[in-house]
């Protein structure tokens, strides 16, 4: 597994990262027990992954800690996070966030978290996150509770990445987590140039989630866009969606294509994926270890989808609703 520097943090990280949230939460959402979920974490480490992303709200910090038990602390990077508001938009107080940080330290069994992130920022909660919560967190960083401060966007509420862009313009974050995929590419215009200019580390979510492991759903959504004139008719008429990507010199399947596309975007550092299935984990590691997609395939994807905004992110749905919708499906 290739390792790179995570921007100005200089943390050496694998280009694949294991996410402990999403629709499966390391398999816990699909009936796995905590020992099995911890086994996924350990398998990921054994496969070369050294960045593990979790959150207080996922309920998986303890499982991540169990999976990494016995491994020297300097051999892996932990990213966790705390929300600044709730689904009903009521704000989470500074004291609650600081208590959450201490709870995360205990759950993760560490005295210092590598990356601590404001979870799900958007234009509505941005001021609270950056003007109220963030100054208090920076004081906790001075105490040694975490090393680098980051932010994740609430993708469905901020399809144009406005909150992350503002935060980077104000030089607030060492690391950001953003939605980017081969059909949702607008971060190329507003996020990656800023991140590269300031050497900010980037964690990519939604690289494959929601669409590419579900061909019938993808075909249906492509058909809708073709019917609206957003995509050419021939794309909706393919026997298999995006079948032009699948060939001997190209991708094995759409999940393979999706992960490699995101990995090789200029400014992208780590592509996150979540799973509770050992075979899926091994396959994803394999995909993310393969050579780049053919330049012609990347160019065609950019021609087709470069002007779309938010395809596959589903702005009308919350994270929880998306997770519920997909919880029973197998990517």
Protein backbone atom coordinates (compact mmCIF):
# COMPACT_ATOMS: atom_id res chain seq x y z
CA UNK A 1 0.00 0.00 0.00
CA UNK A 2 1.43 3.34 -1.09
CA UNK A 3 2.15 5.88 1.66
CA UNK A 4 2.15 9.66 1.23
CA UNK A 5 2.48 12.75 3.41
CA UNK A 6 -0.89 14.09 4.54
CA UNK A 7 -0.23 17.67 3.52
CA UNK A 8 1.40 19.96 6.05
CA UNK A 9 0.76 17.53 8.89
CA UNK A 10 3.61 15.42 7.48
CA UNK A 11 1.82 12.36 8.81
CA UNK A 12 2.79 9.38 6.68
CA UNK A 13 -0.50 7.77 5.68
CA UNK A 14 -1.75 5.05 3.38
CA UNK A 15 -3.63 6.23 0.30
CA UNK A 16 -6.54 4.08 1.51
CA UNK A 17 -8.17 4.79 4.85
CA UNK A 18 -10.71 2.69 6.73
CA UNK A 19 -13.87 4.56 7.69
CA UNK A 20 -15.73 3.30 10.75
CA UNK A 21 -19.03 5.03 9.98
CA UNK A 22 -21.13 5.04 6.85
CA UNK A 23 -23.88 2.54 6.26
CA UNK A 24 -22.17 -0.45 7.85
CA UNK A 25 -20.06 0.85 10.77
CA UNK A 26 -17.48 -1.94 10.41
CA UNK A 27 -20.31 -4.45 10.08
CA UNK A 28 -22.09 -3.52 13.33
CA UNK A 29 -25.08 -2.21 11.37
CA UNK A 30 -25.35 -5.54 9.57
CA UNK A 31 -25.27 -7.83 12.58
CA UNK A 32 -21.57 -8.23 13.29
CA UNK A 33 -20.45 -8.26 16.91
CA UNK A 34 -17.71 -6.01 18.28
CA UNK A 35 -15.04 -8.70 18.04
CA UNK A 36 -15.81 -9.20 14.35
CA UNK A 37 -15.77 -5.44 13.75
CA UNK A 38 -12.44 -5.14 15.56
CA UNK A 39 -11.18 -7.93 13.31
CA UNK A 40 -11.94 -5.77 10.27
CA UNK A 41 -9.79 -3.01 11.75
CA UNK A 42 -6.91 -5.40 12.38
CA UNK A 43 -7.23 -6.90 8.90
CA UNK A 44 -7.09 -3.41 7.39
CA UNK A 45 -3.87 -2.71 9.27
CA UNK A 46 -2.42 -6.04 8.15
CA UNK A 47 -3.34 -5.10 4.56
CA UNK A 48 -1.28 -1.91 4.80
CA UNK A 49 -3.87 0.66 5.89
CA UNK A 50 -2.66 2.92 8.67
CA UNK A 51 -5.30 5.69 8.76
CA UNK A 52 -8.51 4.95 10.62
CA UNK A 53 -11.39 7.43 10.65
CA UNK A 54 -14.12 7.25 13.27
CA UNK A 55 -16.35 9.65 15.24
CA UNK A 56 -18.07 9.93 18.56
CA UNK A 57 -21.39 9.76 16.73
CA UNK A 58 -20.54 6.48 15.02
CA UNK A 59 -20.17 4.56 18.27
CA UNK A 60 -17.12 2.77 16.88
CA UNK A 61 -14.19 4.44 18.64
CA UNK A 62 -13.88 1.57 21.12
CA UNK A 63 -14.00 -1.00 18.35
CA UNK A 64 -11.23 0.79 16.46
CA UNK A 65 -9.15 0.83 19.64
CA UNK A 66 -9.75 -2.89 20.16
CA UNK A 67 -8.70 -3.68 16.61
CA UNK A 68 -5.45 -1.77 17.00
CA UNK A 69 -4.63 -3.06 20.48
CA UNK A 70 -1.02 -4.15 20.81
CA UNK A 71 0.18 -2.27 17.74
CA UNK A 72 2.75 0.44 18.53
CA UNK A 73 1.00 3.80 18.63
CA UNK A 74 3.32 5.37 16.08
CA UNK A 75 2.32 2.78 13.48
CA UNK A 76 -1.16 4.17 12.82
CA UNK A 77 -3.05 7.46 12.52
CA UNK A 78 -6.38 8.06 14.24
CA UNK A 79 -8.90 10.59 12.99
CA UNK A 80 -12.07 11.19 14.97
CA UNK A 81 -14.61 13.97 15.14
CA UNK A 82 -17.49 15.63 16.95
CA UNK A 83 -20.56 17.34 15.50
CA UNK A 84 -21.30 20.99 16.14
CA UNK A 85 -25.06 20.73 15.63
CA UNK A 86 -27.81 18.13 15.53
CA UNK A 87 -30.12 16.95 12.76
CA UNK A 88 -32.73 19.47 13.93
CA UNK A 89 -30.06 22.22 13.66
CA UNK A 90 -29.87 22.91 17.40
CA UNK A 91 -26.30 23.74 18.33
CA UNK A 92 -24.02 21.53 20.37
CA UNK A 93 -22.34 23.55 23.10
CA UNK A 94 -18.62 24.04 23.57
CA UNK A 95 -18.74 22.14 26.86
CA UNK A 96 -20.41 19.20 25.13
CA UNK A 97 -17.76 19.14 22.39
CA UNK A 98 -14.93 19.31 24.94
CA UNK A 99 -16.51 16.52 26.96
CA UNK A 100 -16.78 14.55 23.74
CA UNK A 101 -13.08 15.04 23.08
CA UNK A 102 -12.23 13.63 26.50
CA UNK A 103 -14.62 10.72 25.95
CA UNK A 104 -12.97 10.01 22.60
CA UNK A 105 -9.54 9.91 24.20
CA UNK A 106 -10.79 7.36 26.71
CA UNK A 107 -12.64 5.26 24.13
CA UNK A 108 -9.65 5.20 21.80
CA UNK A 109 -7.27 4.34 24.62
CA UNK A 110 -4.83 7.09 23.74
CA UNK A 111 -3.57 10.28 25.35
CA UNK A 112 -3.37 12.12 22.01
CA UNK A 113 -5.53 11.93 18.90
CA UNK A 114 -3.73 12.55 15.62
CA UNK A 115 -6.54 14.41 13.81
CA UNK A 116 -9.59 15.88 15.55
CA UNK A 117 -12.28 17.19 13.24
CA UNK A 118 -15.35 19.39 13.40
CA UNK A 119 -17.94 16.97 12.04
CA UNK A 120 -20.37 18.08 9.34
CA UNK A 121 -19.78 21.80 8.90
CA UNK A 122 -21.88 23.77 6.43
CA UNK A 123 -22.72 27.45 5.79
CA UNK A 124 -25.39 27.45 8.53
CA UNK A 125 -23.27 26.12 11.40
CA UNK A 126 -19.96 27.51 10.16
CA UNK A 127 -19.85 30.53 12.48
CA UNK A 128 -20.62 28.42 15.55
CA UNK A 129 -18.03 25.84 14.52
CA UNK A 130 -15.22 28.28 13.81
CA UNK A 131 -15.91 31.24 16.10
CA UNK A 132 -17.23 29.45 19.19
CA UNK A 133 -16.14 25.81 19.20
CA UNK A 134 -12.80 26.05 17.45
CA UNK A 135 -11.07 28.51 19.83
CA UNK A 136 -11.89 26.22 22.75
CA UNK A 137 -10.56 23.20 20.87
CA UNK A 138 -7.31 24.97 20.08
CA UNK A 139 -6.75 25.43 23.82
CA UNK A 140 -7.20 21.67 24.22
CA UNK A 141 -4.64 21.12 21.50
CA UNK A 142 -2.18 23.20 23.51
CA UNK A 143 -2.70 20.68 26.32
CA UNK A 144 -1.62 17.89 23.96
CA UNK A 145 -5.00 16.22 23.52
CA UNK A 146 -4.75 16.19 19.73
CA UNK A 147 -2.18 17.14 17.10
CA UNK A 148 -4.04 18.51 14.08
CA UNK A 149 -7.42 20.18 13.67
CA UNK A 150 -9.65 19.37 10.73
CA UNK A 151 -13.20 19.66 9.46
CA UNK A 152 -15.55 17.44 7.52
CA UNK A 153 -18.28 18.89 5.35
CA UNK A 154 -21.94 17.93 5.61
CA UNK A 155 -21.99 17.06 1.94
CA UNK A 156 -25.75 16.94 1.44
CA UNK A 157 -26.16 20.43 2.90
CA UNK A 158 -23.22 22.01 1.09
CA UNK A 159 -22.91 20.65 -2.43
CA UNK A 160 -20.68 23.55 -3.46
CA UNK A 161 -18.24 23.02 -0.56
CA UNK A 162 -18.73 26.61 0.63
CA UNK A 163 -17.88 25.97 4.28
CA UNK A 164 -14.64 24.15 3.53
CA UNK A 165 -13.64 26.80 1.01
CA UNK A 166 -14.18 29.57 3.55
CA UNK A 167 -12.26 27.68 6.22
CA UNK A 168 -9.32 27.20 3.88
CA UNK A 169 -9.40 30.85 2.87
CA UNK A 170 -9.15 31.67 6.58
CA UNK A 171 -6.42 29.02 7.03
CA UNK A 172 -8.27 27.27 9.85
CA UNK A 173 -7.75 23.59 9.09
CA UNK A 174 -4.80 21.24 8.75
CA UNK A 175 -6.99 18.48 7.27
CA UNK A 176 -10.37 18.43 5.53
CA UNK A 177 -12.79 15.67 4.56
CA UNK A 178 -14.82 16.25 1.40
CA UNK A 179 -17.18 14.51 -1.00
CA UNK A 180 -15.64 13.74 -4.39
CA UNK A 181 -16.25 11.04 -6.96
CA UNK A 182 -16.04 10.34 -10.67
CA UNK A 183 -19.59 11.69 -11.09
CA UNK A 184 -19.35 14.49 -8.50
CA UNK A 185 -16.26 16.43 -9.47
CA UNK A 186 -16.87 20.07 -8.56
CA UNK A 187 -14.39 19.98 -5.68
CA UNK A 188 -11.78 20.21 -8.44
CA UNK A 189 -12.75 23.86 -8.88
CA UNK A 190 -13.27 25.09 -5.33
CA UNK A 191 -11.54 22.74 -2.90
CA UNK A 192 -8.45 21.03 -4.30
CA UNK A 193 -6.77 24.21 -5.59
CA UNK A 194 -7.11 25.82 -2.15
CA UNK A 195 -5.94 22.67 -0.39
CA UNK A 196 -2.87 22.37 -2.58
CA UNK A 197 -2.02 26.06 -2.22
CA UNK A 198 -2.03 25.77 1.59
CA UNK A 199 -0.76 22.16 1.75
CA UNK A 200 -3.89 20.98 3.55
CA UNK A 201 -4.41 17.25 3.95
CA UNK A 202 -7.49 15.81 2.23
CA UNK A 203 -9.60 12.78 3.10
CA UNK A 204 -12.04 11.74 0.36
CA UNK A 205 -15.51 10.43 1.19
CA UNK A 206 -18.33 9.40 -1.17
CA UNK A 207 -15.78 8.07 -3.67
CA UNK A 208 -17.94 4.99 -4.19
CA UNK A 209 -20.76 5.20 -1.66
CA UNK A 210 -24.42 5.23 -2.80
CA UNK A 211 -24.03 4.39 -6.50
CA UNK A 212 -21.17 2.34 -7.89
CA UNK A 213 -21.81 -0.86 -5.97
CA UNK A 214 -25.48 -0.78 -7.00
CA UNK A 215 -25.68 -1.01 -10.83
CA UNK A 216 -29.47 -0.90 -11.12
CA UNK A 217 -29.67 2.18 -8.97
CA UNK A 218 -26.88 3.86 -10.94
CA UNK A 219 -28.55 3.02 -14.25
CA UNK A 220 -31.83 4.48 -13.01
CA UNK A 221 -30.16 7.71 -11.88
CA UNK A 222 -28.22 8.06 -15.14
CA UNK A 223 -31.50 7.63 -17.01
CA UNK A 224 -33.10 10.44 -15.02
CA UNK A 225 -30.26 12.81 -15.86
CA UNK A 226 -30.32 11.83 -19.52
CA UNK A 227 -34.06 12.50 -19.58
CA UNK A 228 -33.38 15.98 -18.18
CA UNK A 229 -30.77 16.67 -20.84
CA UNK A 230 -27.89 16.63 -18.34
CA UNK A 231 -26.27 13.54 -19.89
CA UNK A 232 -26.25 12.06 -23.42
CA UNK A 233 -28.92 9.49 -24.21
CA UNK A 234 -26.37 6.82 -25.16
CA UNK A 235 -25.08 6.77 -21.59
CA UNK A 236 -28.47 5.79 -20.23
CA UNK A 237 -28.87 3.20 -22.99
CA UNK A 238 -25.79 1.15 -22.13
CA UNK A 239 -26.49 -2.45 -21.12
CA UNK A 240 -24.36 -1.87 -18.03
CA UNK A 241 -23.91 1.63 -16.61
CA UNK A 242 -20.58 3.29 -17.46
CA UNK A 243 -19.48 0.12 -19.22
CA UNK A 244 -16.89 2.07 -21.24
CA UNK A 245 -14.71 1.99 -18.11
CA UNK A 246 -14.58 -1.81 -17.99
CA UNK A 247 -11.92 -3.23 -20.28
CA UNK A 248 -8.60 -5.04 -20.14
CA UNK A 249 -6.50 -1.91 -19.74
CA UNK A 250 -9.11 -0.17 -17.60
CA UNK A 251 -11.12 -1.06 -14.53
CA UNK A 252 -12.33 -4.46 -13.37
CA UNK A 253 -15.63 -3.00 -12.18
CA UNK A 254 -17.13 0.35 -11.24
CA UNK A 255 -15.99 0.24 -7.62
CA UNK A 256 -12.44 -0.31 -8.86
CA UNK A 257 -12.82 2.64 -11.25
CA UNK A 258 -14.34 4.86 -8.57
CA UNK A 259 -11.58 4.34 -6.03
CA UNK A 260 -8.75 4.79 -8.51
CA UNK A 261 -10.37 7.88 -10.01
CA UNK A 262 -10.56 9.56 -6.61
CA UNK A 263 -7.08 8.44 -5.56
CA UNK A 264 -5.41 10.01 -8.58
CA UNK A 265 -7.09 13.41 -8.42
CA UNK A 266 -4.56 16.21 -7.95
CA UNK A 267 -4.80 17.30 -4.32
CA UNK A 268 -6.35 14.06 -3.02
CA UNK A 269 -4.43 12.23 -0.31
CA UNK A 270 -6.51 9.48 1.31
CA UNK A 271 -9.57 7.70 -0.11
CA UNK A 272 -11.81 6.44 2.67
CA UNK A 273 -14.00 3.37 2.46
CA UNK A 274 -16.07 1.48 4.99
CA UNK A 275 -16.91 -2.20 5.14
CA UNK A 276 -17.65 -5.05 7.48
CA UNK A 277 -16.78 -7.69 4.91
CA UNK A 278 -13.21 -9.07 4.81
CA UNK A 279 -13.38 -9.92 1.11
CA UNK A 280 -14.60 -6.41 0.27
CA UNK A 281 -11.78 -4.95 2.32
CA UNK A 282 -9.14 -6.99 0.50
CA UNK A 283 -10.67 -6.10 -2.87
CA UNK A 284 -10.73 -2.38 -2.08
CA UNK A 285 -7.10 -2.46 -0.99
CA UNK A 286 -6.27 -4.23 -4.24
CA UNK A 287 -8.14 -1.61 -6.31
CA UNK A 288 -6.38 1.24 -4.53
CA UNK A 289 -3.01 -0.39 -5.16
CA UNK A 290 -3.46 -0.60 -8.95
CA UNK A 291 -2.03 1.76 -11.59
CA UNK A 292 -3.97 4.86 -12.67
CA UNK A 293 -6.99 4.55 -14.94
CA UNK A 294 -6.27 5.21 -18.62
CA UNK A 295 -6.07 8.93 -19.35
CA UNK A 296 -8.77 8.60 -22.01
CA UNK A 297 -11.19 7.11 -19.47
CA UNK A 298 -10.55 9.93 -16.99
CA UNK A 299 -11.02 12.50 -19.72
CA UNK A 300 -14.33 10.94 -20.77
CA UNK A 301 -15.59 10.97 -17.18
CA UNK A 302 -14.67 14.63 -16.86
CA UNK A 303 -16.38 15.46 -20.14
CA UNK A 304 -19.57 13.69 -19.07
CA UNK A 305 -19.81 14.62 -15.40
CA UNK A 306 -17.54 17.61 -14.90
CA UNK A 307 -20.41 20.11 -14.83
CA UNK A 308 -22.74 18.15 -12.55
CA UNK A 309 -23.02 19.12 -8.89
CA UNK A 310 -23.78 16.66 -6.11
CA UNK A 311 -24.64 13.61 -8.22
CA UNK A 312 -24.63 10.63 -5.87
CA UNK A 313 -24.62 12.75 -2.72
CA UNK A 314 -28.41 13.16 -2.53
CA UNK A 315 -29.01 16.56 -0.95
CA UNK A 316 -32.56 15.74 0.10
CA UNK A 317 -31.39 13.04 2.48
CA UNK A 318 -29.54 13.18 5.77
CA UNK A 319 -26.53 11.01 6.55
CA UNK A 320 -28.69 8.83 8.80
CA UNK A 321 -31.35 8.34 6.12
CA UNK A 322 -28.76 7.35 3.54
CA UNK A 323 -27.20 4.88 5.97
CA UNK A 324 -30.61 3.38 6.72
CA UNK A 325 -31.39 3.08 3.02
CA UNK A 326 -28.17 1.24 2.27
CA UNK A 327 -27.66 -0.70 5.50
CA UNK A 328 -28.93 -3.96 4.08
CA UNK A 329 -27.14 -3.69 0.75
CA UNK A 330 -23.79 -5.24 -0.15
CA UNK A 331 -21.34 -3.01 -2.04
